Protein backbone atom coordinates (compact mmCIF):
# COMPACT_ATOMS: atom_id res chain seq x y z
CA MET A 1 -5.76 -4.35 9.01
CA VAL A 2 -3.59 -6.04 6.62
CA PHE A 3 -4.88 -7.08 3.07
CA ARG A 4 -3.36 -10.63 2.21
CA LYS A 5 -3.96 -13.03 -0.67
CA ILE A 6 -3.51 -16.61 0.55
CA ALA A 7 -3.80 -19.34 -1.95
CA ASP A 8 -7.19 -18.46 -3.60
CA GLU A 9 -8.48 -16.46 -0.51
CA VAL A 10 -8.27 -12.84 0.01
CA ILE A 11 -8.32 -12.13 4.08
CA LEU A 12 -8.16 -9.03 6.18
CA VAL A 13 -6.05 -9.40 9.24
CA PRO A 14 -5.95 -7.03 12.36
CA ILE A 15 -2.48 -5.88 13.19
CA ARG A 16 -3.27 -4.35 16.49
CA ASN A 17 -5.65 -6.14 18.93
CA LYS A 18 -6.47 -9.64 18.71
CA VAL A 19 -4.17 -10.76 16.03
CA GLY A 20 -4.45 -14.37 17.15
CA ASP A 21 -8.08 -14.32 17.25
CA LEU A 22 -9.37 -16.35 14.28
CA GLN A 23 -12.63 -14.68 14.63
CA SER A 24 -11.05 -11.24 13.92
CA ILE A 25 -9.82 -12.37 10.48
CA TYR A 26 -12.16 -11.80 7.73
CA THR A 27 -12.36 -13.35 4.30
CA LEU A 28 -13.33 -11.38 1.33
CA ASN A 29 -15.16 -12.42 -1.88
CA GLU A 30 -13.68 -11.00 -5.25
CA VAL A 31 -15.99 -7.99 -5.28
CA GLY A 32 -15.02 -7.34 -1.38
CA ALA A 33 -11.28 -7.80 -2.18
CA ARG A 34 -11.63 -5.17 -5.05
CA ILE A 35 -13.44 -2.65 -2.97
CA TRP A 36 -10.70 -2.91 -0.39
CA LYS A 37 -8.02 -2.40 -3.03
CA LEU A 38 -9.97 0.72 -4.26
CA ILE A 39 -10.58 2.61 -0.88
CA ASN A 40 -7.72 4.76 -0.28
CA GLY A 41 -9.02 7.61 1.43
CA LYS A 42 -9.06 10.04 -1.46
CA ARG A 43 -11.39 7.84 -3.94
CA GLU A 44 -15.09 8.76 -3.24
CA LEU A 45 -17.43 5.99 -3.12
CA ALA A 46 -19.19 7.29 -6.18
CA LYS A 47 -15.93 6.50 -8.04
CA ILE A 48 -15.63 3.24 -6.53
CA LYS A 49 -19.10 2.43 -7.75
CA GLU A 50 -18.41 3.55 -11.31
CA ILE A 51 -15.37 1.40 -11.27
CA LEU A 52 -17.35 -1.68 -9.98
CA LEU A 53 -19.95 -1.03 -12.63
CA GLU A 54 -17.29 -1.20 -15.23
CA GLU A 55 -15.60 -4.16 -13.92
CA PHE A 56 -18.38 -6.49 -12.94
CA SER A 57 -21.50 -7.71 -14.69
CA VAL A 58 -24.12 -6.03 -12.02
CA ASP A 59 -26.85 -3.36 -11.94
CA VAL A 60 -26.78 0.09 -10.36
CA PRO A 61 -29.11 -0.73 -7.43
CA ARG A 62 -27.24 -3.98 -6.39
CA VAL A 63 -23.87 -2.26 -6.58
CA GLU A 64 -25.09 0.59 -4.51
CA GLU A 65 -26.72 -1.59 -1.88
CA ASP A 66 -23.56 -4.06 -1.66
CA LEU A 67 -21.10 -1.15 -1.65
CA LYS A 68 -22.83 0.54 1.17
CA ALA A 69 -23.25 -2.55 3.28
CA PHE A 70 -19.85 -3.71 2.73
CA VAL A 71 -18.29 -0.16 3.78
CA GLN A 72 -20.41 -0.28 6.83
CA LYS A 73 -19.21 -3.52 8.00
CA LEU A 74 -15.63 -2.37 7.40
CA GLU A 75 -16.43 0.70 9.68
CA ARG A 76 -18.02 -1.52 12.23
CA ILE A 77 -14.73 -3.76 12.61
CA GLY A 78 -12.62 -0.72 12.74
CA ALA A 79 -11.09 -1.32 9.02
CA VAL A 80 -12.03 2.01 7.87
CA GLU A 81 -13.47 5.32 9.06
CA GLU A 82 -15.22 8.04 7.24
CA VAL A 83 -13.18 10.89 6.13
CA LYS A 84 -14.95 14.21 7.02
């Protein structure tokens, strides 16, 4: 996946299969874009949660729920995989 900011939108574009398939292009909101930038294969989700709590006006349960759901979606589309 390639992360690109185009105008006011942030998108993830696959660089392997289906590059021309518009359904394989994912638009991220501000929080999703920030999470994508924070995921680096070394930073644990707990640390990402802490950063999000510092940067956004949101409560702990909401961050935990949204972060988990977003990462699961990234896994489903093949954008990330769990490091073991």
